[in-house]
Full PDB file with SEQRES, HELIX, SHEET, SSBOND, CRYST1, ORIGX, SCALE, CONECT and MASTER records, all heavy atoms in Angstrom:
SEQRES   1 A   36  PRO ILE GLY LEU ALA MET LEU ARG SER THR LEU ARG PRO          
SEQRES   2 A   36  SER TRP ALA PRO HIS LEU LEU GLN GLY ALA ALA GLY THR          
SEQRES   3 A   36  LEU LEU GLY LEU ALA VAL VAL VAL GLY GLY                      
HELIX    1 AA1 ILE A    2  THR A   10  1                                   9    
HELIX    2 AA2 TRP A   15  GLY A   35  1                                  21    
CRYST1    1.000    1.000    1.000  90.00  90.00  90.00 P 1           1          
ORIGX1      1.000000  0.000000  0.000000        0.00000                         
ORIGX2      0.000000  1.000000  0.000000        0.00000                         
ORIGX3      0.000000  0.000000  1.000000        0.00000                         
SCALE1      1.000000  0.000000  0.000000        0.00000                         
SCALE2      0.000000  1.000000  0.000000        0.00000                         
SCALE3      0.000000  0.000000  1.000000        0.00000                         
ATOM      1  N   PRO A   1      -4.165   9.818  -8.129  1.00  0.00           N  
ATOM      2  CA  PRO A   1      -3.142  10.555  -7.396  1.00  0.00           C  
ATOM      3  C   PRO A   1      -2.850   9.883  -6.045  1.00  0.00           C  
ATOM      4  O   PRO A   1      -1.751   9.997  -5.566  1.00  0.00           O  
ATOM      5  CB  PRO A   1      -3.784  11.969  -7.189  1.00  0.00           C  
ATOM      6  CG  PRO A   1      -5.205  11.816  -7.477  1.00  0.00           C  
ATOM      7  CD  PRO A   1      -5.312  10.583  -8.434  1.00  0.00           C  
ATOM      8  N   ILE A   2      -3.835   9.197  -5.506  1.00  0.00           N  
ATOM      9  CA  ILE A   2      -3.563   8.453  -4.180  1.00  0.00           C  
ATOM     10  C   ILE A   2      -2.594   7.313  -4.483  1.00  0.00           C  
ATOM     11  O   ILE A   2      -1.695   7.099  -3.715  1.00  0.00           O  
ATOM     12  CB  ILE A   2      -4.827   8.009  -3.619  1.00  0.00           C  
ATOM     13  CG1 ILE A   2      -5.757   9.171  -3.211  1.00  0.00           C  
ATOM     14  CG2 ILE A   2      -4.738   7.059  -2.400  1.00  0.00           C  
ATOM     15  CD1 ILE A   2      -7.141   8.825  -2.912  1.00  0.00           C  
ATOM     16  N   GLY A   3      -2.754   6.693  -5.622  1.00  0.00           N  
ATOM     17  CA  GLY A   3      -1.793   5.594  -5.958  1.00  0.00           C  
ATOM     18  C   GLY A   3      -0.386   6.096  -6.190  1.00  0.00           C  
ATOM     19  O   GLY A   3       0.605   5.459  -5.755  1.00  0.00           O  
ATOM     20  N   LEU A   4      -0.303   7.290  -6.810  1.00  0.00           N  
ATOM     21  CA  LEU A   4       0.987   7.859  -7.036  1.00  0.00           C  
ATOM     22  C   LEU A   4       1.658   8.246  -5.707  1.00  0.00           C  
ATOM     23  O   LEU A   4       2.873   7.991  -5.481  1.00  0.00           O  
ATOM     24  CB  LEU A   4       0.892   9.093  -7.987  1.00  0.00           C  
ATOM     25  CG  LEU A   4       0.569   8.737  -9.394  1.00  0.00           C  
ATOM     26  CD1 LEU A   4       0.312  10.063 -10.181  1.00  0.00           C  
ATOM     27  CD2 LEU A   4       1.705   7.955 -10.079  1.00  0.00           C  
ATOM     28  N   ALA A   5       0.846   8.826  -4.836  1.00  0.00           N  
ATOM     29  CA  ALA A   5       1.320   9.199  -3.446  1.00  0.00           C  
ATOM     30  C   ALA A   5       1.777   7.923  -2.683  1.00  0.00           C  
ATOM     31  O   ALA A   5       2.797   7.920  -2.002  1.00  0.00           O  
ATOM     32  CB  ALA A   5       0.304   9.922  -2.723  1.00  0.00           C  
ATOM     33  N   MET A   6       1.056   6.809  -2.864  1.00  0.00           N  
ATOM     34  CA  MET A   6       1.333   5.552  -2.243  1.00  0.00           C  
ATOM     35  C   MET A   6       2.760   5.076  -2.770  1.00  0.00           C  
ATOM     36  O   MET A   6       3.619   4.645  -1.940  1.00  0.00           O  
ATOM     37  CB  MET A   6       0.334   4.520  -2.417  1.00  0.00           C  
ATOM     38  CG  MET A   6       0.580   3.173  -1.829  1.00  0.00           C  
ATOM     39  SD  MET A   6      -0.344   1.820  -2.435  1.00  0.00           S  
ATOM     40  CE  MET A   6       0.135   1.752  -4.112  1.00  0.00           C  
ATOM     41  N   LEU A   7       2.909   5.126  -4.012  1.00  0.00           N  
ATOM     42  CA  LEU A   7       4.234   4.664  -4.641  1.00  0.00           C  
ATOM     43  C   LEU A   7       5.343   5.433  -4.088  1.00  0.00           C  
ATOM     44  O   LEU A   7       6.409   4.953  -3.746  1.00  0.00           O  
ATOM     45  CB  LEU A   7       4.171   4.715  -6.131  1.00  0.00           C  
ATOM     46  CG  LEU A   7       3.315   3.661  -6.809  1.00  0.00           C  
ATOM     47  CD1 LEU A   7       3.243   3.878  -8.324  1.00  0.00           C  
ATOM     48  CD2 LEU A   7       3.928   2.206  -6.527  1.00  0.00           C  
ATOM     49  N   ARG A   8       5.149   6.817  -3.977  1.00  0.00           N  
ATOM     50  CA  ARG A   8       6.177   7.672  -3.486  1.00  0.00           C  
ATOM     51  C   ARG A   8       6.538   7.342  -2.056  1.00  0.00           C  
ATOM     52  O   ARG A   8       7.661   7.419  -1.611  1.00  0.00           O  
ATOM     53  CB  ARG A   8       5.841   9.172  -3.614  1.00  0.00           C  
ATOM     54  CG  ARG A   8       5.879   9.632  -5.098  1.00  0.00           C  
ATOM     55  CD  ARG A   8       5.538  11.077  -5.159  1.00  0.00           C  
ATOM     56  NE  ARG A   8       6.490  11.882  -4.515  1.00  0.00           N  
ATOM     57  CZ  ARG A   8       6.336  13.128  -4.169  1.00  0.00           C  
ATOM     58  NH1 ARG A   8       5.270  13.804  -4.509  1.00  0.00           N  
ATOM     59  NH2 ARG A   8       7.268  13.843  -3.557  1.00  0.00           N  
ATOM     60  N   SER A   9       5.504   6.943  -1.302  1.00  0.00           N  
ATOM     61  CA  SER A   9       5.735   6.670   0.169  1.00  0.00           C  
ATOM     62  C   SER A   9       6.406   5.271   0.349  1.00  0.00           C  
ATOM     63  O   SER A   9       6.964   5.077   1.391  1.00  0.00           O  
ATOM     64  CB  SER A   9       4.435   6.776   0.911  1.00  0.00           C  
ATOM     65  OG  SER A   9       3.594   5.722   0.608  1.00  0.00           O  
ATOM     66  N   THR A  10       6.207   4.372  -0.562  1.00  0.00           N  
ATOM     67  CA  THR A  10       6.781   3.061  -0.413  1.00  0.00           C  
ATOM     68  C   THR A  10       8.205   2.898  -1.020  1.00  0.00           C  
ATOM     69  O   THR A  10       8.958   2.050  -0.632  1.00  0.00           O  
ATOM     70  CB  THR A  10       5.833   1.943  -0.977  1.00  0.00           C  
ATOM     71  OG1 THR A  10       5.580   2.270  -2.366  1.00  0.00           O  
ATOM     72  CG2 THR A  10       4.497   1.825  -0.252  1.00  0.00           C  
ATOM     73  N   LEU A  11       8.490   3.712  -2.050  1.00  0.00           N  
ATOM     74  CA  LEU A  11       9.765   3.580  -2.722  1.00  0.00           C  
ATOM     75  C   LEU A  11      10.783   4.531  -2.081  1.00  0.00           C  
ATOM     76  O   LEU A  11      11.107   5.599  -2.657  1.00  0.00           O  
ATOM     77  CB  LEU A  11       9.540   3.811  -4.232  1.00  0.00           C  
ATOM     78  CG  LEU A  11       8.634   2.862  -4.897  1.00  0.00           C  
ATOM     79  CD1 LEU A  11       8.441   3.203  -6.385  1.00  0.00           C  
ATOM     80  CD2 LEU A  11       9.186   1.442  -4.737  1.00  0.00           C  
ATOM     81  N   ARG A  12      11.177   4.286  -0.869  1.00  0.00           N  
ATOM     82  CA  ARG A  12      12.110   5.138  -0.172  1.00  0.00           C  
ATOM     83  C   ARG A  12      13.431   4.316  -0.004  1.00  0.00           C  
ATOM     84  O   ARG A  12      13.509   3.108  -0.375  1.00  0.00           O  
ATOM     85  CB  ARG A  12      11.579   5.325   1.213  1.00  0.00           C  
ATOM     86  CG  ARG A  12      10.295   6.225   1.257  1.00  0.00           C  
ATOM     87  CD  ARG A  12       9.906   6.460   2.639  1.00  0.00           C  
ATOM     88  NE  ARG A  12       8.656   7.138   2.772  1.00  0.00           N  
ATOM     89  CZ  ARG A  12       8.069   7.435   3.828  1.00  0.00           C  
ATOM     90  NH1 ARG A  12       8.547   7.074   5.023  1.00  0.00           N  
ATOM     91  NH2 ARG A  12       6.845   7.981   3.894  1.00  0.00           N  
ATOM     92  N   PRO A  13      14.536   4.959   0.524  1.00  0.00           N  
ATOM     93  CA  PRO A  13      15.779   4.266   0.727  1.00  0.00           C  
ATOM     94  C   PRO A  13      15.567   2.996   1.544  1.00  0.00           C  
ATOM     95  O   PRO A  13      16.190   1.956   1.249  1.00  0.00           O  
ATOM     96  CB  PRO A  13      16.644   5.296   1.422  1.00  0.00           C  
ATOM     97  CG  PRO A  13      16.103   6.621   0.965  1.00  0.00           C  
ATOM     98  CD  PRO A  13      14.610   6.436   0.779  1.00  0.00           C  
ATOM     99  N   SER A  14      14.801   3.043   2.623  1.00  0.00           N  
ATOM    100  CA  SER A  14      14.520   1.775   3.374  1.00  0.00           C  
ATOM    101  C   SER A  14      13.167   1.292   2.906  1.00  0.00           C  
ATOM    102  O   SER A  14      12.200   1.341   3.642  1.00  0.00           O  
ATOM    103  CB  SER A  14      14.520   2.153   4.899  1.00  0.00           C  
ATOM    104  OG  SER A  14      13.564   3.005   5.161  1.00  0.00           O  
ATOM    105  N   TRP A  15      13.099   0.795   1.689  1.00  0.00           N  
ATOM    106  CA  TRP A  15      11.784   0.415   1.086  1.00  0.00           C  
ATOM    107  C   TRP A  15      11.123  -0.770   1.510  1.00  0.00           C  
ATOM    108  O   TRP A  15       9.912  -0.915   1.415  1.00  0.00           O  
ATOM    109  CB  TRP A  15      12.008   0.400  -0.450  1.00  0.00           C  
ATOM    110  CG  TRP A  15      13.048  -0.683  -0.875  1.00  0.00           C  
ATOM    111  CD1 TRP A  15      14.342  -0.506  -0.969  1.00  0.00           C  
ATOM    112  CD2 TRP A  15      12.779  -2.007  -1.093  1.00  0.00           C  
ATOM    113  NE1 TRP A  15      14.907  -1.710  -1.336  1.00  0.00           N  
ATOM    114  CE2 TRP A  15      13.932  -2.689  -1.447  1.00  0.00           C  
ATOM    115  CE3 TRP A  15      11.582  -2.803  -1.182  1.00  0.00           C  
ATOM    116  CZ2 TRP A  15      14.098  -3.955  -1.769  1.00  0.00           C  
ATOM    117  CZ3 TRP A  15      11.683  -4.091  -1.455  1.00  0.00           C  
ATOM    118  CH2 TRP A  15      12.881  -4.756  -1.811  1.00  0.00           C  
ATOM    119  N   ALA A  16      11.812  -1.770   2.052  1.00  0.00           N  
ATOM    120  CA  ALA A  16      11.225  -3.071   2.318  1.00  0.00           C  
ATOM    121  C   ALA A  16      10.045  -2.991   3.323  1.00  0.00           C  
ATOM    122  O   ALA A  16       8.964  -3.465   3.077  1.00  0.00           O  
ATOM    123  CB  ALA A  16      12.294  -4.039   2.821  1.00  0.00           C  
ATOM    124  N   PRO A  17      10.215  -2.318   4.522  1.00  0.00           N  
ATOM    125  CA  PRO A  17       9.078  -2.213   5.409  1.00  0.00           C  
ATOM    126  C   PRO A  17       7.846  -1.492   4.825  1.00  0.00           C  
ATOM    127  O   PRO A  17       6.687  -1.801   5.056  1.00  0.00           O  
ATOM    128  CB  PRO A  17       9.603  -1.553   6.668  1.00  0.00           C  
ATOM    129  CG  PRO A  17      11.043  -1.343   6.458  1.00  0.00           C  
ATOM    130  CD  PRO A  17      11.380  -1.694   5.042  1.00  0.00           C  
ATOM    131  N   HIS A  18       8.187  -0.419   4.108  1.00  0.00           N  
ATOM    132  CA  HIS A  18       7.136   0.377   3.497  1.00  0.00           C  
ATOM    133  C   HIS A  18       6.391  -0.385   2.421  1.00  0.00           C  
ATOM    134  O   HIS A  18       5.250  -0.256   2.255  1.00  0.00           O  
ATOM    135  CB  HIS A  18       7.732   1.682   2.902  1.00  0.00           C  
ATOM    136  CG  HIS A  18       8.453   2.514   3.928  1.00  0.00           C  
ATOM    137  ND1 HIS A  18       7.745   3.157   4.907  1.00  0.00           N  
ATOM    138  CD2 HIS A  18       9.774   2.830   4.024  1.00  0.00           C  
ATOM    139  CE1 HIS A  18       8.693   3.792   5.700  1.00  0.00           C  
ATOM    140  NE2 HIS A  18       9.866   3.580   5.160  1.00  0.00           N  
ATOM    141  N   LEU A  19       7.159  -1.144   1.673  1.00  0.00           N  
ATOM    142  CA  LEU A  19       6.546  -2.018   0.662  1.00  0.00           C  
ATOM    143  C   LEU A  19       5.619  -3.114   1.289  1.00  0.00           C  
ATOM    144  O   LEU A  19       4.512  -3.297   0.773  1.00  0.00           O  
ATOM    145  CB  LEU A  19       7.627  -2.683  -0.215  1.00  0.00           C  
ATOM    146  CG  LEU A  19       7.145  -3.305  -1.511  1.00  0.00           C  
ATOM    147  CD1 LEU A  19       6.500  -2.310  -2.446  1.00  0.00           C  
ATOM    148  CD2 LEU A  19       8.311  -3.964  -2.161  1.00  0.00           C  
ATOM    149  N   LEU A  20       6.036  -3.611   2.391  1.00  0.00           N  
ATOM    150  CA  LEU A  20       5.200  -4.577   3.062  1.00  0.00           C  
ATOM    151  C   LEU A  20       3.960  -3.932   3.660  1.00  0.00           C  
ATOM    152  O   LEU A  20       2.843  -4.470   3.609  1.00  0.00           O  
ATOM    153  CB  LEU A  20       6.001  -5.272   4.261  1.00  0.00           C  
ATOM    154  CG  LEU A  20       7.069  -6.227   3.842  1.00  0.00           C  
ATOM    155  CD1 LEU A  20       7.844  -6.705   4.990  1.00  0.00           C  
ATOM    156  CD2 LEU A  20       6.426  -7.425   3.099  1.00  0.00           C  
ATOM    157  N   GLN A  21       4.085  -2.661   4.178  1.00  0.00           N  
ATOM    158  CA  GLN A  21       2.875  -1.951   4.618  1.00  0.00           C  
ATOM    159  C   GLN A  21       1.981  -1.704   3.480  1.00  0.00           C  
ATOM    160  O   GLN A  21       0.742  -1.821   3.589  1.00  0.00           O  
ATOM    161  CB  GLN A  21       3.310  -0.626   5.271  1.00  0.00           C  
ATOM    162  CG  GLN A  21       3.821  -0.701   6.637  1.00  0.00           C  
ATOM    163  CD  GLN A  21       4.073   0.746   7.174  1.00  0.00           C  
ATOM    164  OE1 GLN A  21       4.492   1.633   6.402  1.00  0.00           O  
ATOM    165  NE2 GLN A  21       3.892   0.916   8.376  1.00  0.00           N  
ATOM    166  N   GLY A  22       2.502  -1.267   2.348  1.00  0.00           N  
ATOM    167  CA  GLY A  22       1.678  -1.063   1.189  1.00  0.00           C  
ATOM    168  C   GLY A  22       0.936  -2.259   0.644  1.00  0.00           C  
ATOM    169  O   GLY A  22      -0.193  -2.288   0.363  1.00  0.00           O  
ATOM    170  N   ALA A  23       1.676  -3.409   0.715  1.00  0.00           N  
ATOM    171  CA  ALA A  23       0.963  -4.760   0.277  1.00  0.00           C  
ATOM    172  C   ALA A  23      -0.113  -5.086   1.292  1.00  0.00           C  
ATOM    173  O   ALA A  23      -1.193  -5.454   0.890  1.00  0.00           O  
ATOM    174  CB  ALA A  23       2.049  -5.805   0.217  1.00  0.00           C  
ATOM    175  N   ALA A  24       0.133  -4.924   2.599  1.00  0.00           N  
ATOM    176  CA  ALA A  24      -0.890  -5.250   3.551  1.00  0.00           C  
ATOM    177  C   ALA A  24      -2.074  -4.299   3.427  1.00  0.00           C  
ATOM    178  O   ALA A  24      -3.253  -4.672   3.482  1.00  0.00           O  
ATOM    179  CB  ALA A  24      -0.322  -5.128   5.031  1.00  0.00           C  
ATOM    180  N   GLY A  25      -1.819  -2.994   3.183  1.00  0.00           N  
ATOM    181  CA  GLY A  25      -2.901  -2.078   2.964  1.00  0.00           C  
ATOM    182  C   GLY A  25      -3.697  -2.365   1.755  1.00  0.00           C  
ATOM    183  O   GLY A  25      -4.917  -2.307   1.712  1.00  0.00           O  
ATOM    184  N   THR A  26      -3.078  -2.801   0.709  1.00  0.00           N  
ATOM    185  CA  THR A  26      -3.756  -3.173  -0.586  1.00  0.00           C  
ATOM    186  C   THR A  26      -4.658  -4.335  -0.318  1.00  0.00           C  
ATOM    187  O   THR A  26      -5.804  -4.359  -0.762  1.00  0.00           O  
ATOM    188  CB  THR A  26      -2.720  -3.475  -1.634  1.00  0.00           C  
ATOM    189  OG1 THR A  26      -1.929  -2.344  -1.893  1.00  0.00           O  
ATOM    190  CG2 THR A  26      -3.400  -3.882  -2.986  1.00  0.00           C  
ATOM    191  N   LEU A  27      -4.146  -5.377   0.376  1.00  0.00           N  
ATOM    192  CA  LEU A  27      -5.037  -6.503   0.640  1.00  0.00           C  
ATOM    193  C   LEU A  27      -6.139  -6.126   1.592  1.00  0.00           C  
ATOM    194  O   LEU A  27      -7.323  -6.571   1.434  1.00  0.00           O  
ATOM    195  CB  LEU A  27      -4.234  -7.617   1.329  1.00  0.00           C  
ATOM    196  CG  LEU A  27      -3.189  -8.316   0.419  1.00  0.00           C  
ATOM    197  CD1 LEU A  27      -2.340  -9.321   1.227  1.00  0.00           C  
ATOM    198  CD2 LEU A  27      -3.899  -9.012  -0.758  1.00  0.00           C  
ATOM    199  N   LEU A  28      -5.941  -5.225   2.559  1.00  0.00           N  
ATOM    200  CA  LEU A  28      -7.018  -4.809   3.429  1.00  0.00           C  
ATOM    201  C   LEU A  28      -8.074  -4.026   2.647  1.00  0.00           C  
ATOM    202  O   LEU A  28      -9.265  -4.205   2.865  1.00  0.00           O  
ATOM    203  CB  LEU A  28      -6.437  -3.936   4.582  1.00  0.00           C  
ATOM    204  CG  LEU A  28      -7.464  -3.450   5.623  1.00  0.00           C  
ATOM    205  CD1 LEU A  28      -8.236  -4.558   6.253  1.00  0.00           C  
ATOM    206  CD2 LEU A  28      -6.732  -2.596   6.609  1.00  0.00           C  
ATOM    207  N   GLY A  29      -7.677  -3.065   1.735  1.00  0.00           N  
ATOM    208  CA  GLY A  29      -8.603  -2.347   0.949  1.00  0.00           C  
ATOM    209  C   GLY A  29      -9.464  -3.317   0.049  1.00  0.00           C  
ATOM    210  O   GLY A  29     -10.667  -3.108  -0.051  1.00  0.00           O  
ATOM    211  N   LEU A  30      -8.764  -4.258  -0.555  1.00  0.00           N  
ATOM    212  CA  LEU A  30      -9.500  -5.290  -1.325  1.00  0.00           C  
ATOM    213  C   LEU A  30     -10.528  -6.036  -0.485  1.00  0.00           C  
ATOM    214  O   LEU A  30     -11.667  -6.197  -0.838  1.00  0.00           O  
ATOM    215  CB  LEU A  30      -8.557  -6.171  -1.980  1.00  0.00           C  
ATOM    216  CG  LEU A  30      -9.053  -7.333  -2.828  1.00  0.00           C  
ATOM    217  CD1 LEU A  30      -9.787  -6.786  -4.030  1.00  0.00           C  
ATOM    218  CD2 LEU A  30      -7.997  -8.209  -3.269  1.00  0.00           C  
ATOM    219  N   ALA A  31     -10.159  -6.422   0.675  1.00  0.00           N  
ATOM    220  CA  ALA A  31     -10.936  -7.194   1.601  1.00  0.00           C  
ATOM    221  C   ALA A  31     -12.193  -6.329   1.953  1.00  0.00           C  
ATOM    222  O   ALA A  31     -13.315  -6.901   2.043  1.00  0.00           O  
ATOM    223  CB  ALA A  31     -10.248  -7.731   2.767  1.00  0.00           C  
ATOM    224  N   VAL A  32     -12.001  -5.120   2.271  1.00  0.00           N  
ATOM    225  CA  VAL A  32     -13.053  -4.230   2.747  1.00  0.00           C  
ATOM    226  C   VAL A  32     -14.160  -4.124   1.618  1.00  0.00           C  
ATOM    227  O   VAL A  32     -15.336  -4.285   1.829  1.00  0.00           O  
ATOM    228  CB  VAL A  32     -12.575  -2.891   3.117  1.00  0.00           C  
ATOM    229  CG1 VAL A  32     -13.637  -1.854   3.259  1.00  0.00           C  
ATOM    230  CG2 VAL A  32     -11.793  -2.947   4.424  1.00  0.00           C  
ATOM    231  N   VAL A  33     -13.679  -3.857   0.361  1.00  0.00           N  
ATOM    232  CA  VAL A  33     -14.628  -3.702  -0.700  1.00  0.00           C  
ATOM    233  C   VAL A  33     -15.369  -4.945  -1.088  1.00  0.00           C  
ATOM    234  O   VAL A  33     -16.560  -4.994  -1.190  1.00  0.00           O  
ATOM    235  CB  VAL A  33     -13.952  -3.065  -1.925  1.00  0.00           C  
ATOM    236  CG1 VAL A  33     -14.854  -2.969  -3.170  1.00  0.00           C  
ATOM    237  CG2 VAL A  33     -13.493  -1.624  -1.583  1.00  0.00           C  
ATOM    238  N   VAL A  34     -14.575  -6.017  -1.241  1.00  0.00           N  
ATOM    239  CA  VAL A  34     -15.169  -7.307  -1.650  1.00  0.00           C  
ATOM    240  C   VAL A  34     -16.181  -7.786  -0.552  1.00  0.00           C  
ATOM    241  O   VAL A  34     -17.273  -8.235  -0.773  1.00  0.00           O  
ATOM    242  CB  VAL A  34     -14.126  -8.339  -1.974  1.00  0.00           C  
ATOM    243  CG1 VAL A  34     -14.718  -9.765  -2.149  1.00  0.00           C  
ATOM    244  CG2 VAL A  34     -13.408  -7.950  -3.256  1.00  0.00           C  
ATOM    245  N   GLY A  35     -15.646  -7.703   0.674  1.00  0.00           N  
ATOM    246  CA  GLY A  35     -16.504  -8.148   1.825  1.00  0.00           C  
ATOM    247  C   GLY A  35     -17.745  -7.331   1.992  1.00  0.00           C  
ATOM    248  O   GLY A  35     -18.834  -7.812   2.255  1.00  0.00           O  
ATOM    249  N   GLY A  36     -17.584  -6.045   1.766  1.00  0.00           N  
ATOM    250  CA  GLY A  36     -18.735  -5.146   1.859  1.00  0.00           C  
ATOM    251  C   GLY A  36     -19.762  -5.409   0.745  1.00  0.00           C  
ATOM    252  O   GLY A  36     -20.981  -5.459   1.009  1.00  0.00           O  
TER     253      GLY A  36                                                      
MASTER        0    0    0    2    0    0    0    6  252    1    0    3          
END                                                                             
């Protein structure tokens, strides 16, 4: 459900900045878990 909420928040009329935020957040989440 968090992933579905993320998709809803990134796929808006002005989607480009939200999509970039989502991509950055995804990389950060991956880095936190792998690094940890």
